[in-house]
Amino acid sequence: MARDFSRRIRTWFARHARDLPWRHSRDPYQVLVSELMLQQTQVSRVLEYYPCFLARFPTLESVSRSRPAQVREAWRGLGYYARARNLHRLARTVSPPNGTGVLPNAPEALRALPGIGAYTAGAVASFAFERRAALVDTNVARVLRRVFAPRLDPKSSRGQRRLWEIAAAILPATGRATWSHNQALMELGALLCSARTMRCPECPVRPLCRTGLRRNP
């Protein structure tokens, strides 16, 4: 079932994925910036600010050389300015003379950096380094719960642990396939399996979905 699920969502993603600029990059810094911006911010707004921010701060080292106020100024309009402060702290931690200037590629090492949680660590490892890393954000959690465990309480600690276990269990065998698998999971939750609407007739995993089968016998 895991192989079938992954194959179905990756095939669907290849045909229906939105053309988003950060999906064309494997640069760890650019992936990190996109993931931080996308936290609690609509994609349409990130599309507006992402290229401008990278034009002003093209590298992690350029962030580290700047004052915190300059980074916050470039972030203005996106809100949740703790993300900008954390990016600056992370850049100072990673860049010379404190570090090598290179982001680590393992989720565990990424999580040790300022402002990097479990999801962001998995996203950077997967999308920048094509590591076989699980990730669970709001969209992914919704899809996994509806397909595999509709009775699960996603807000409970046990429910959250279980969703991460499912996410890890259904990863494809290679890091390259994991890139499209994780992107497809997020896209499916954003476009077809949203909080407000379940577009089951269009869903590529409808034959496998325990929620969809109950709603549409």
N, C-alpha and C. Protein backbone atom coordinates (compact mmCIF):
# COMPACT_ATOMS: atom_id res chain seq x y z
N MET A 1 0.83 -1.21 0.00
CA MET A 1 0.00 0.00 0.00
C MET A 1 0.87 1.26 0.00
N ALA A 2 1.97 1.23 0.78
CA ALA A 2 2.85 2.40 0.84
C ALA A 2 3.44 2.69 -0.53
N ARG A 3 3.88 1.65 -1.23
CA ARG A 3 4.46 1.84 -2.57
C ARG A 3 3.41 2.37 -3.54
N ASP A 4 2.21 1.83 -3.46
CA ASP A 4 1.13 2.26 -4.34
C ASP A 4 0.77 3.71 -4.06
N PHE A 5 0.67 4.06 -2.78
CA PHE A 5 0.36 5.43 -2.39
C PHE A 5 1.39 6.40 -2.95
N SER A 6 2.67 6.09 -2.72
CA SER A 6 3.73 6.99 -3.19
C SER A 6 3.73 7.11 -4.70
N ARG A 7 3.57 6.00 -5.38
CA ARG A 7 3.55 6.03 -6.85
C ARG A 7 2.41 6.89 -7.37
N ARG A 8 1.25 6.75 -6.76
CA ARG A 8 0.08 7.50 -7.20
C ARG A 8 0.26 9.01 -7.01
N ILE A 9 0.76 9.42 -5.84
CA ILE A 9 0.87 10.86 -5.59
C ILE A 9 1.99 11.47 -6.43
N ARG A 10 3.06 10.72 -6.68
CA ARG A 10 4.14 11.26 -7.50
C ARG A 10 3.72 11.39 -8.96
N THR A 11 2.94 10.44 -9.46
CA THR A 11 2.42 10.55 -10.82
C THR A 11 1.49 11.75 -10.95
N TRP A 12 0.62 11.92 -9.97
CA TRP A 12 -0.28 13.07 -9.97
C TRP A 12 0.49 14.38 -9.90
N PHE A 13 1.52 14.42 -9.05
CA PHE A 13 2.32 15.64 -8.88
C PHE A 13 3.01 16.03 -10.19
N ALA A 14 3.52 15.05 -10.91
CA ALA A 14 4.21 15.33 -12.16
C ALA A 14 3.30 16.03 -13.17
N ARG A 15 1.99 15.81 -13.04
CA ARG A 15 1.04 16.38 -14.00
C ARG A 15 0.40 17.68 -13.50
N HIS A 16 0.29 17.83 -12.18
CA HIS A 16 -0.53 18.92 -11.63
C HIS A 16 0.21 19.88 -10.70
N ALA A 17 1.49 19.70 -10.50
CA ALA A 17 2.22 20.55 -9.56
C ALA A 17 2.24 22.00 -10.01
N ARG A 18 2.10 22.90 -9.05
CA ARG A 18 2.27 24.32 -9.33
C ARG A 18 3.74 24.61 -9.62
N ASP A 19 3.97 25.57 -10.52
CA ASP A 19 5.34 25.95 -10.87
C ASP A 19 5.81 27.01 -9.87
N LEU A 20 6.44 26.58 -8.79
CA LEU A 20 6.90 27.47 -7.74
C LEU A 20 8.42 27.60 -7.81
N PRO A 21 8.97 28.80 -7.69
CA PRO A 21 10.40 29.01 -7.96
C PRO A 21 11.33 28.18 -7.08
N TRP A 22 10.96 27.98 -5.81
CA TRP A 22 11.85 27.23 -4.92
C TRP A 22 11.91 25.75 -5.29
N ARG A 23 10.97 25.28 -6.09
CA ARG A 23 11.03 23.89 -6.52
C ARG A 23 12.07 23.66 -7.61
N HIS A 24 12.63 24.74 -8.16
CA HIS A 24 13.66 24.62 -9.18
C HIS A 24 15.06 24.69 -8.59
N SER A 25 15.14 24.82 -7.29
CA SER A 25 16.44 25.00 -6.64
C SER A 25 16.76 23.83 -5.72
N ARG A 26 18.04 23.47 -5.68
CA ARG A 26 18.53 22.52 -4.69
C ARG A 26 19.52 23.24 -3.75
N ASP A 27 19.58 24.56 -3.86
CA ASP A 27 20.47 25.32 -2.99
C ASP A 27 19.91 25.30 -1.57
N PRO A 28 20.65 24.79 -0.60
CA PRO A 28 20.12 24.65 0.76
C PRO A 28 19.63 25.97 1.36
N TYR A 29 20.37 27.04 1.11
CA TYR A 29 19.96 28.34 1.65
C TYR A 29 18.65 28.79 1.03
N GLN A 30 18.51 28.67 -0.28
CA GLN A 30 17.27 29.10 -0.94
C GLN A 30 16.09 28.25 -0.48
N VAL A 31 16.32 26.95 -0.31
CA VAL A 31 15.25 26.08 0.19
C VAL A 31 14.87 26.49 1.61
N LEU A 32 15.86 26.77 2.44
CA LEU A 32 15.60 27.18 3.82
C LEU A 32 14.78 28.46 3.85
N VAL A 33 15.15 29.45 3.06
CA VAL A 33 14.41 30.72 3.04
C VAL A 33 12.96 30.48 2.63
N SER A 34 12.75 29.67 1.61
CA SER A 34 11.37 29.41 1.16
C SER A 34 10.56 28.72 2.26
N GLU A 35 11.17 27.75 2.94
CA GLU A 35 10.44 27.03 3.98
C GLU A 35 10.12 27.93 5.17
N LEU A 36 11.04 28.79 5.55
CA LEU A 36 10.76 29.72 6.65
C LEU A 36 9.66 30.70 6.25
N MET A 37 9.70 31.20 5.03
CA MET A 37 8.68 32.14 4.57
C MET A 37 7.30 31.50 4.50
N LEU A 38 7.26 30.22 4.12
CA LEU A 38 5.98 29.55 3.93
C LEU A 38 5.30 29.17 5.24
N GLN A 39 6.01 29.28 6.34
CA GLN A 39 5.40 28.99 7.63
C GLN A 39 4.36 30.07 7.96
N GLN A 40 3.10 29.69 8.00
CA GLN A 40 1.99 30.57 8.36
C GLN A 40 1.85 31.77 7.42
N THR A 41 2.29 31.62 6.18
CA THR A 41 2.17 32.69 5.19
C THR A 41 1.68 32.09 3.88
N GLN A 42 0.74 32.74 3.22
CA GLN A 42 0.18 32.23 1.98
C GLN A 42 1.23 32.19 0.88
N VAL A 43 1.10 31.20 0.01
CA VAL A 43 2.05 31.03 -1.09
C VAL A 43 2.08 32.28 -1.97
N SER A 44 0.94 32.89 -2.23
CA SER A 44 0.89 34.07 -3.09
C SER A 44 1.75 35.21 -2.55
N ARG A 45 1.78 35.37 -1.23
CA ARG A 45 2.59 36.43 -0.63
C ARG A 45 4.07 36.05 -0.68
N VAL A 46 4.37 34.79 -0.45
CA VAL A 46 5.77 34.36 -0.51
C VAL A 46 6.32 34.52 -1.92
N LEU A 47 5.51 34.25 -2.93
CA LEU A 47 5.94 34.43 -4.31
C LEU A 47 6.37 35.88 -4.58
N GLU A 48 5.76 36.79 -3.88
CA GLU A 48 6.09 38.21 -4.05
C GLU A 48 7.40 38.56 -3.35
N TYR A 49 7.63 38.02 -2.16
CA TYR A 49 8.76 38.44 -1.34
C TYR A 49 10.01 37.59 -1.55
N TYR A 50 9.85 36.34 -1.93
CA TYR A 50 10.98 35.42 -2.04
C TYR A 50 12.08 35.92 -2.97
N PRO A 51 11.79 36.30 -4.22
CA PRO A 51 12.88 36.76 -5.10
C PRO A 51 13.52 38.06 -4.62
N CYS A 52 12.74 38.94 -4.01
CA CYS A 52 13.29 40.20 -3.51
C CYS A 52 14.26 39.97 -2.35
N PHE A 53 13.89 39.05 -1.47
CA PHE A 53 14.76 38.76 -0.33
C PHE A 53 16.07 38.14 -0.80
N LEU A 54 15.98 37.21 -1.74
CA LEU A 54 17.20 36.57 -2.25
C LEU A 54 18.07 37.54 -3.03
N ALA A 55 17.46 38.50 -3.69
CA ALA A 55 18.25 39.51 -4.40
C ALA A 55 19.05 40.36 -3.42
N ARG A 56 18.45 40.64 -2.26
CA ARG A 56 19.15 41.44 -1.25
C ARG A 56 20.13 40.60 -0.44
N PHE A 57 19.76 39.36 -0.16
CA PHE A 57 20.62 38.46 0.62
C PHE A 57 20.79 37.16 -0.18
N PRO A 58 21.73 37.12 -1.12
CA PRO A 58 21.85 35.96 -2.01
C PRO A 58 22.45 34.72 -1.37
N THR A 59 23.12 34.87 -0.23
CA THR A 59 23.76 33.74 0.42
C THR A 59 23.54 33.81 1.93
N LEU A 60 23.81 32.69 2.57
CA LEU A 60 23.72 32.66 4.03
C LEU A 60 24.74 33.60 4.65
N GLU A 61 25.92 33.67 4.05
CA GLU A 61 26.96 34.54 4.58
C GLU A 61 26.56 36.01 4.48
N SER A 62 25.83 36.37 3.43
CA SER A 62 25.38 37.76 3.29
C SER A 62 24.40 38.12 4.40
N VAL A 63 23.61 37.15 4.84
CA VAL A 63 22.73 37.38 5.98
C VAL A 63 23.55 37.58 7.24
N SER A 64 24.56 36.75 7.42
CA SER A 64 25.37 36.82 8.64
C SER A 64 26.13 38.14 8.75
N ARG A 65 26.51 38.72 7.61
CA ARG A 65 27.25 39.98 7.63
C ARG A 65 26.35 41.18 7.87
N SER A 66 25.05 41.00 7.79
CA SER A 66 24.11 42.11 7.94
C SER A 66 23.68 42.26 9.39
N ARG A 67 23.14 43.42 9.69
CA ARG A 67 22.58 43.65 11.01
C ARG A 67 21.20 43.01 11.09
N PRO A 68 20.77 42.58 12.27
CA PRO A 68 19.43 41.99 12.40
C PRO A 68 18.34 42.89 11.86
N ALA A 69 18.47 44.19 12.07
CA ALA A 69 17.44 45.12 11.61
C ALA A 69 17.32 45.13 10.09
N GLN A 70 18.44 44.92 9.39
CA GLN A 70 18.40 44.88 7.93
C GLN A 70 17.65 43.65 7.42
N VAL A 71 17.86 42.52 8.10
CA VAL A 71 17.15 41.30 7.71
C VAL A 71 15.66 41.45 7.99
N ARG A 72 15.33 42.03 9.15
CA ARG A 72 13.91 42.24 9.46
C ARG A 72 13.27 43.20 8.48
N GLU A 73 14.00 44.20 8.03
CA GLU A 73 13.46 45.15 7.06
C GLU A 73 13.12 44.45 5.74
N ALA A 74 14.00 43.55 5.29
CA ALA A 74 13.73 42.81 4.05
C ALA A 74 12.57 41.85 4.22
N TRP A 75 12.31 41.46 5.46
CA TRP A 75 11.22 40.53 5.78
C TRP A 75 9.89 41.27 5.96
N ARG A 76 9.93 42.57 6.05
CA ARG A 76 8.74 43.36 6.35
C ARG A 76 7.62 43.07 5.34
N GLY A 77 6.43 42.81 5.88
CA GLY A 77 5.29 42.46 5.06
C GLY A 77 4.92 40.99 5.16
N LEU A 78 5.87 40.16 5.59
CA LEU A 78 5.60 38.74 5.76
C LEU A 78 5.10 38.40 7.16
N GLY A 79 5.38 39.28 8.12
CA GLY A 79 4.94 39.03 9.48
C GLY A 79 5.75 37.95 10.18
N TYR A 80 5.37 37.67 11.42
CA TYR A 80 6.05 36.64 12.22
C TYR A 80 7.57 36.83 12.14
N TYR A 81 8.03 37.97 12.67
CA TYR A 81 9.41 38.38 12.49
C TYR A 81 10.41 37.54 13.27
N ALA A 82 9.92 36.67 14.13
CA ALA A 82 10.83 35.73 14.79
C ALA A 82 11.54 34.86 13.75
N ARG A 83 10.89 34.63 12.62
CA ARG A 83 11.51 33.83 11.56
C ARG A 83 12.74 34.55 11.00
N ALA A 84 12.64 35.86 10.84
CA ALA A 84 13.79 36.64 10.34
C ALA A 84 14.90 36.67 11.38
N ARG A 85 14.54 36.83 12.64
CA ARG A 85 15.56 36.83 13.69
C ARG A 85 16.27 35.49 13.77
N ASN A 86 15.49 34.41 13.65
CA ASN A 86 16.10 33.09 13.71
C ASN A 86 17.00 32.84 12.51
N LEU A 87 16.61 33.32 11.34
CA LEU A 87 17.45 33.17 10.16
C LEU A 87 18.78 33.88 10.36
N HIS A 88 18.74 35.06 10.93
CA HIS A 88 19.98 35.80 11.19
C HIS A 88 20.85 35.06 12.19
N ARG A 89 20.25 34.56 13.26
CA ARG A 89 21.01 33.80 14.26
C ARG A 89 21.60 32.54 13.64
N LEU A 90 20.82 31.86 12.82
CA LEU A 90 21.31 30.66 12.15
C LEU A 90 22.50 30.99 11.24
N ALA A 91 22.38 32.07 10.49
CA ALA A 91 23.45 32.46 9.58
C ALA A 91 24.74 32.75 10.35
N ARG A 92 24.62 33.44 11.48
CA ARG A 92 25.80 33.73 12.31
C ARG A 92 26.39 32.44 12.88
N THR A 93 25.54 31.47 13.17
CA THR A 93 26.01 30.20 13.72
C THR A 93 26.76 29.38 12.68
N VAL A 94 26.27 29.39 11.46
CA VAL A 94 26.81 28.51 10.41
C VAL A 94 27.98 29.14 9.67
N SER A 95 27.96 30.45 9.49
CA SER A 95 28.96 31.11 8.66
C SER A 95 30.28 31.30 9.40
N PRO A 96 31.40 31.41 8.66
CA PRO A 96 32.70 31.67 9.30
C PRO A 96 32.66 32.98 10.08
N PRO A 97 33.38 33.07 11.20
CA PRO A 97 34.36 32.08 11.70
C PRO A 97 33.75 31.01 12.61
N ASN A 98 32.44 31.09 12.83
CA ASN A 98 31.82 30.14 13.75
C ASN A 98 31.60 28.77 13.12
N GLY A 99 31.37 28.75 11.81
CA GLY A 99 31.07 27.50 11.14
C GLY A 99 31.71 27.44 9.77
N THR A 100 31.30 26.45 9.00
CA THR A 100 31.88 26.21 7.68
C THR A 100 31.20 27.02 6.58
N GLY A 101 30.05 27.59 6.88
CA GLY A 101 29.29 28.30 5.87
C GLY A 101 28.35 27.42 5.09
N VAL A 102 28.30 26.14 5.44
CA VAL A 102 27.47 25.16 4.73
C VAL A 102 26.44 24.58 5.69
N LEU A 103 25.21 24.52 5.26
CA LEU A 103 24.18 23.89 6.07
C LEU A 103 24.39 22.37 6.09
N PRO A 104 24.19 21.74 7.23
CA PRO A 104 24.30 20.27 7.28
C PRO A 104 23.18 19.62 6.48
N ASN A 105 23.40 18.38 6.08
CA ASN A 105 22.39 17.72 5.24
C ASN A 105 21.54 16.71 6.00
N ALA A 106 21.83 16.48 7.27
CA ALA A 106 21.07 15.51 8.06
C ALA A 106 20.01 16.23 8.89
N PRO A 107 18.79 15.69 8.96
CA PRO A 107 17.74 16.34 9.75
C PRO A 107 18.13 16.59 11.20
N GLU A 108 18.84 15.65 11.82
CA GLU A 108 19.21 15.81 13.22
C GLU A 108 20.14 17.00 13.41
N ALA A 109 21.10 17.17 12.50
CA ALA A 109 22.02 18.30 12.60
C ALA A 109 21.31 19.62 12.29
N LEU A 110 20.40 19.61 11.35
CA LEU A 110 19.65 20.82 11.02
C LEU A 110 18.79 21.27 12.21
N ARG A 111 18.22 20.33 12.93
CA ARG A 111 17.36 20.66 14.06
C ARG A 111 18.13 21.34 15.18
N ALA A 112 19.43 21.19 15.21
CA ALA A 112 20.24 21.83 16.25
C ALA A 112 20.45 23.32 15.99
N LEU A 113 20.07 23.78 14.80
CA LEU A 113 20.27 25.19 14.44
C LEU A 113 19.10 26.05 14.92
N PRO A 114 19.33 27.34 15.15
CA PRO A 114 18.26 28.23 15.64
C PRO A 114 17.06 28.27 14.70
N GLY A 115 15.87 28.10 15.26
CA GLY A 115 14.64 28.26 14.51
C GLY A 115 14.27 27.10 13.61
N ILE A 116 15.00 25.99 13.68
CA ILE A 116 14.72 24.85 12.80
C ILE A 116 14.01 23.76 13.61
N GLY A 117 12.76 23.51 13.27
CA GLY A 117 12.00 22.45 13.91
C GLY A 117 12.06 21.18 13.08
N ALA A 118 11.28 20.20 13.49
CA ALA A 118 11.32 18.89 12.85
C ALA A 118 10.89 18.98 11.38
N TYR A 119 9.81 19.74 11.11
CA TYR A 119 9.35 19.84 9.73
C TYR A 119 10.39 20.51 8.83
N THR A 120 10.90 21.68 9.26
CA THR A 120 11.85 22.42 8.44
C THR A 120 13.11 21.60 8.20
N ALA A 121 13.56 20.88 9.22
CA ALA A 121 14.74 20.03 9.07
C ALA A 121 14.50 18.96 8.01
N GLY A 122 13.33 18.32 8.05
CA GLY A 122 13.01 17.32 7.06
C GLY A 122 12.88 17.90 5.67
N ALA A 123 12.31 19.10 5.58
CA ALA A 123 12.12 19.74 4.28
C ALA A 123 13.45 20.11 3.64
N VAL A 124 14.35 20.72 4.41
CA VAL A 124 15.66 21.11 3.86
C VAL A 124 16.46 19.86 3.47
N ALA A 125 16.46 18.85 4.34
CA ALA A 125 17.19 17.62 4.03
C ALA A 125 16.65 16.97 2.76
N SER A 126 15.34 16.96 2.62
CA SER A 126 14.71 16.32 1.47
C SER A 126 14.83 17.14 0.20
N PHE A 127 14.48 18.43 0.28
CA PHE A 127 14.37 19.25 -0.92
C PHE A 127 15.71 19.81 -1.40
N ALA A 128 16.64 20.03 -0.49
CA ALA A 128 17.95 20.56 -0.89
C ALA A 128 18.97 19.45 -1.14
N PHE A 129 18.95 18.43 -0.28
CA PHE A 129 19.98 17.39 -0.35
C PHE A 129 19.46 16.05 -0.86
N GLU A 130 18.15 16.00 -1.15
CA GLU A 130 17.51 14.76 -1.60
C GLU A 130 17.81 13.60 -0.65
N ARG A 131 17.73 13.92 0.64
CA ARG A 131 17.86 12.88 1.65
C ARG A 131 16.52 12.19 1.84
N ARG A 132 16.56 10.96 2.25
CA ARG A 132 15.33 10.19 2.51
C ARG A 132 14.83 10.58 3.91
N ALA A 133 14.16 11.75 3.98
CA ALA A 133 13.74 12.32 5.26
C ALA A 133 12.24 12.57 5.25
N ALA A 134 11.60 12.21 6.35
CA ALA A 134 10.16 12.46 6.49
C ALA A 134 9.91 13.90 6.90
N LEU A 135 8.72 14.38 6.58
CA LEU A 135 8.28 15.70 7.04
C LEU A 135 6.78 15.67 7.25
N VAL A 136 6.34 16.43 8.22
CA VAL A 136 4.90 16.53 8.51
C VAL A 136 4.58 17.98 8.83
N ASP A 137 3.85 18.64 7.93
CA ASP A 137 3.28 19.95 8.24
C ASP A 137 1.77 19.80 8.30
N THR A 138 1.04 20.89 8.35
CA THR A 138 -0.42 20.83 8.48
C THR A 138 -1.06 20.08 7.32
N ASN A 139 -0.62 20.38 6.09
CA ASN A 139 -1.20 19.72 4.93
C ASN A 139 -0.88 18.23 4.90
N VAL A 140 0.36 17.90 5.19
CA VAL A 140 0.76 16.49 5.19
C VAL A 140 0.02 15.72 6.26
N ALA A 141 -0.08 16.30 7.46
CA ALA A 141 -0.78 15.63 8.56
C ALA A 141 -2.22 15.33 8.18
N ARG A 142 -2.87 16.28 7.52
CA ARG A 142 -4.27 16.09 7.12
C ARG A 142 -4.40 14.94 6.13
N VAL A 143 -3.54 14.89 5.14
CA VAL A 143 -3.60 13.82 4.14
C VAL A 143 -3.33 12.47 4.79
N LEU A 144 -2.29 12.39 5.59
CA LEU A 144 -1.93 11.10 6.20
C LEU A 144 -3.03 10.60 7.13
N ARG A 145 -3.61 11.52 7.89
CA ARG A 145 -4.67 11.10 8.80
C ARG A 145 -5.88 10.61 8.02
N ARG A 146 -6.30 11.34 7.00
CA ARG A 146 -7.49 10.95 6.25
C ARG A 146 -7.28 9.65 5.50
N VAL A 147 -6.10 9.44 4.95
CA VAL A 147 -5.86 8.24 4.16
C VAL A 147 -5.64 7.02 5.05
N PHE A 148 -4.79 7.16 6.07
CA PHE A 148 -4.33 5.99 6.82
C PHE A 148 -4.96 5.82 8.20
N ALA A 149 -5.33 6.92 8.86
CA ALA A 149 -5.76 6.81 10.26
C ALA A 149 -6.82 7.85 10.59
N PRO A 150 -8.02 7.72 10.01
CA PRO A 150 -9.04 8.77 10.18
C PRO A 150 -9.52 8.98 11.61
N ARG A 151 -9.32 8.00 12.48
CA ARG A 151 -9.76 8.15 13.87
C ARG A 151 -8.68 8.77 14.76
N LEU A 152 -7.54 9.04 14.21
CA LEU A 152 -6.43 9.58 14.98
C LEU A 152 -6.69 11.04 15.36
N ASP A 153 -6.33 11.42 16.57
CA ASP A 153 -6.41 12.81 17.00
C ASP A 153 -5.08 13.49 16.67
N PRO A 154 -5.05 14.34 15.64
CA PRO A 154 -3.77 14.91 15.20
C PRO A 154 -3.22 15.95 16.17
N LYS A 155 -4.04 16.41 17.12
CA LYS A 155 -3.58 17.42 18.07
C LYS A 155 -2.94 16.81 19.31
N SER A 156 -3.13 15.53 19.52
CA SER A 156 -2.56 14.88 20.69
C SER A 156 -1.10 14.52 20.42
N SER A 157 -0.33 14.37 21.48
CA SER A 157 1.08 13.99 21.34
C SER A 157 1.20 12.62 20.68
N ARG A 158 0.32 11.72 21.10
CA ARG A 158 0.34 10.38 20.51
C ARG A 158 -0.01 10.44 19.03
N GLY A 159 -1.00 11.26 18.69
CA GLY A 159 -1.40 11.39 17.30
C GLY A 159 -0.29 11.97 16.44
N GLN A 160 0.41 12.97 16.97
CA GLN A 160 1.51 13.58 16.22
C GLN A 160 2.65 12.59 16.01
N ARG A 161 2.97 11.83 17.05
CA ARG A 161 4.02 10.81 16.90
C ARG A 161 3.64 9.78 15.84
N ARG A 162 2.37 9.39 15.86
CA ARG A 162 1.90 8.38 14.91
C ARG A 162 1.97 8.91 13.48
N LEU A 163 1.64 10.18 13.26
CA LEU A 163 1.70 10.75 11.92
C LEU A 163 3.14 10.78 11.40
N TRP A 164 4.09 11.10 12.27
CA TRP A 164 5.50 11.08 11.86
C TRP A 164 5.94 9.65 11.54
N GLU A 165 5.44 8.69 12.31
CA GLU A 165 5.77 7.30 12.03
C GLU A 165 5.23 6.87 10.67
N ILE A 166 4.00 7.29 10.37
CA ILE A 166 3.42 6.95 9.07
C ILE A 166 4.21 7.62 7.95
N ALA A 167 4.55 8.90 8.14
CA ALA A 167 5.31 9.63 7.12
C ALA A 167 6.64 8.93 6.82
N ALA A 168 7.30 8.44 7.86
CA ALA A 168 8.57 7.75 7.66
C ALA A 168 8.37 6.39 7.01
N ALA A 169 7.29 5.71 7.37
CA ALA A 169 7.05 4.35 6.88
C ALA A 169 6.72 4.31 5.39
N ILE A 170 6.15 5.39 4.87
CA ILE A 170 5.72 5.37 3.46
C ILE A 170 6.71 6.05 2.52
N LEU A 171 7.89 6.44 3.03
CA LEU A 171 8.88 7.06 2.16
C LEU A 171 9.33 6.07 1.08
N PRO A 172 9.55 6.55 -0.12
CA PRO A 172 10.10 5.67 -1.16
C PRO A 172 11.55 5.29 -0.85
N ALA A 173 12.11 4.41 -1.65
CA ALA A 173 13.41 3.82 -1.33
C ALA A 173 14.58 4.77 -1.53
N THR A 174 14.44 5.77 -2.40
CA THR A 174 15.58 6.63 -2.72
C THR A 174 15.29 8.08 -2.33
N GLY A 175 16.38 8.83 -2.14
CA GLY A 175 16.24 10.25 -1.84
C GLY A 175 15.65 11.03 -3.00
N ARG A 176 16.02 10.68 -4.21
CA ARG A 176 15.49 11.39 -5.38
C ARG A 176 13.97 11.24 -5.46
N ALA A 177 13.49 10.02 -5.24
CA ALA A 177 12.04 9.81 -5.24
C ALA A 177 11.38 10.48 -4.04
N THR A 178 12.11 10.57 -2.94
CA THR A 178 11.56 11.23 -1.74
C THR A 178 11.30 12.70 -1.99
N TRP A 179 12.13 13.34 -2.80
CA TRP A 179 11.91 14.75 -3.13
C TRP A 179 10.51 14.95 -3.70
N SER A 180 10.17 14.20 -4.74
CA SER A 180 8.85 14.38 -5.36
C SER A 180 7.74 13.83 -4.48
N HIS A 181 8.02 12.78 -3.72
CA HIS A 181 7.02 12.22 -2.80
C HIS A 181 6.60 13.26 -1.76
N ASN A 182 7.57 13.90 -1.13
CA ASN A 182 7.24 14.90 -0.10
C ASN A 182 6.58 16.14 -0.70
N GLN A 183 7.07 16.57 -1.86
CA GLN A 183 6.43 17.70 -2.53
C GLN A 183 4.98 17.35 -2.88
N ALA A 184 4.76 16.13 -3.35
CA ALA A 184 3.42 15.71 -3.76
C ALA A 184 2.48 15.64 -2.56
N LEU A 185 2.97 15.15 -1.42
CA LEU A 185 2.14 15.11 -0.22
C LEU A 185 1.64 16.50 0.15
N MET A 186 2.55 17.45 0.16
CA MET A 186 2.19 18.82 0.52
C MET A 186 1.22 19.42 -0.50
N GLU A 187 1.49 19.15 -1.78
CA GLU A 187 0.63 19.70 -2.84
C GLU A 187 -0.77 19.11 -2.79
N LEU A 188 -0.85 17.84 -2.49
CA LEU A 188 -2.15 17.18 -2.40
C LEU A 188 -2.99 17.80 -1.29
N GLY A 189 -2.35 18.08 -0.15
CA GLY A 189 -3.07 18.71 0.95
C GLY A 189 -3.47 20.14 0.66
N ALA A 190 -2.67 20.82 -0.17
CA ALA A 190 -2.97 22.20 -0.50
C ALA A 190 -4.06 22.34 -1.56
N LEU A 191 -4.08 21.42 -2.53
CA LEU A 191 -4.96 21.59 -3.68
C LEU A 191 -6.23 20.74 -3.65
N LEU A 192 -6.13 19.50 -3.18
CA LEU A 192 -7.28 18.59 -3.25
C LEU A 192 -7.84 18.21 -1.88
N CYS A 193 -6.97 18.02 -0.91
CA CYS A 193 -7.39 17.50 0.40
C CYS A 193 -7.21 18.59 1.45
N SER A 194 -7.88 19.71 1.24
CA SER A 194 -7.70 20.86 2.13
C SER A 194 -8.57 20.71 3.37
N ALA A 195 -8.41 21.65 4.29
CA ALA A 195 -9.19 21.60 5.52
C ALA A 195 -10.67 21.83 5.24
N ARG A 196 -10.98 22.66 4.25
CA ARG A 196 -12.36 23.01 3.96
C ARG A 196 -13.01 22.11 2.93
N THR A 197 -12.22 21.58 2.00
CA THR A 197 -12.79 20.84 0.88
C THR A 197 -12.02 19.55 0.65
N MET A 198 -12.75 18.48 0.40
CA MET A 198 -12.16 17.21 0.03
C MET A 198 -12.62 16.88 -1.39
N ARG A 199 -11.74 17.08 -2.35
CA ARG A 199 -12.09 16.85 -3.75
C ARG A 199 -11.78 15.39 -4.11
N CYS A 200 -12.50 14.50 -3.47
CA CYS A 200 -12.23 13.06 -3.59
C CYS A 200 -12.27 12.53 -5.02
N PRO A 201 -13.23 12.95 -5.86
CA PRO A 201 -13.26 12.40 -7.23
C PRO A 201 -11.99 12.68 -8.02
N GLU A 202 -11.24 13.74 -7.65
CA GLU A 202 -10.02 14.08 -8.37
C GLU A 202 -8.77 13.53 -7.70
N CYS A 203 -8.91 12.91 -6.55
CA CYS A 203 -7.76 12.53 -5.74
C CYS A 203 -7.12 11.25 -6.27
N PRO A 204 -5.80 11.24 -6.44
CA PRO A 204 -5.13 10.05 -6.99
C PRO A 204 -5.10 8.87 -6.02
N VAL A 205 -5.30 9.13 -4.72
CA VAL A 205 -5.24 8.03 -3.75
C VAL A 205 -6.62 7.67 -3.21
N ARG A 206 -7.66 8.09 -3.91
CA ARG A 206 -9.01 7.77 -3.46
C ARG A 206 -9.24 6.27 -3.24
N PRO A 207 -8.72 5.38 -4.11
CA PRO A 207 -8.96 3.94 -3.88
C PRO A 207 -8.30 3.42 -2.61
N LEU A 208 -7.34 4.16 -2.06
CA LEU A 208 -6.62 3.72 -0.87
C LEU A 208 -7.09 4.43 0.40
N CYS A 209 -7.87 5.47 0.24
CA CYS A 209 -8.16 6.39 1.35
C CYS A 209 -9.30 5.87 2.22
N ARG A 210 -9.03 5.67 3.49
CA ARG A 210 -10.05 5.17 4.40
C ARG A 210 -11.16 6.18 4.65
N THR A 211 -10.82 7.46 4.61
CA THR A 211 -11.87 8.48 4.76
C THR A 211 -12.68 8.60 3.48
N GLY A 212 -12.01 8.65 2.35
CA GLY A 212 -12.70 8.77 1.08
C GLY A 212 -13.61 7.61 0.77
N LEU A 213 -13.20 6.41 1.13
CA LEU A 213 -14.01 5.23 0.88
C LEU A 213 -15.29 5.26 1.71
N ARG A 214 -15.19 5.79 2.92
CA ARG A 214 -16.38 5.89 3.78
C ARG A 214 -17.35 6.94 3.25
N ARG A 215 -16.80 8.04 2.71
CA ARG A 215 -17.64 9.11 2.21
C ARG A 215 -18.23 8.78 0.86
N ASN A 216 -17.51 8.01 0.06
CA ASN A 216 -17.91 7.74 -1.32
C ASN A 216 -17.85 6.24 -1.57
N PRO A 217 -18.71 5.45 -0.96
CA PRO A 217 -18.65 4.01 -1.10
C PRO A 217 -18.92 3.58 -2.56
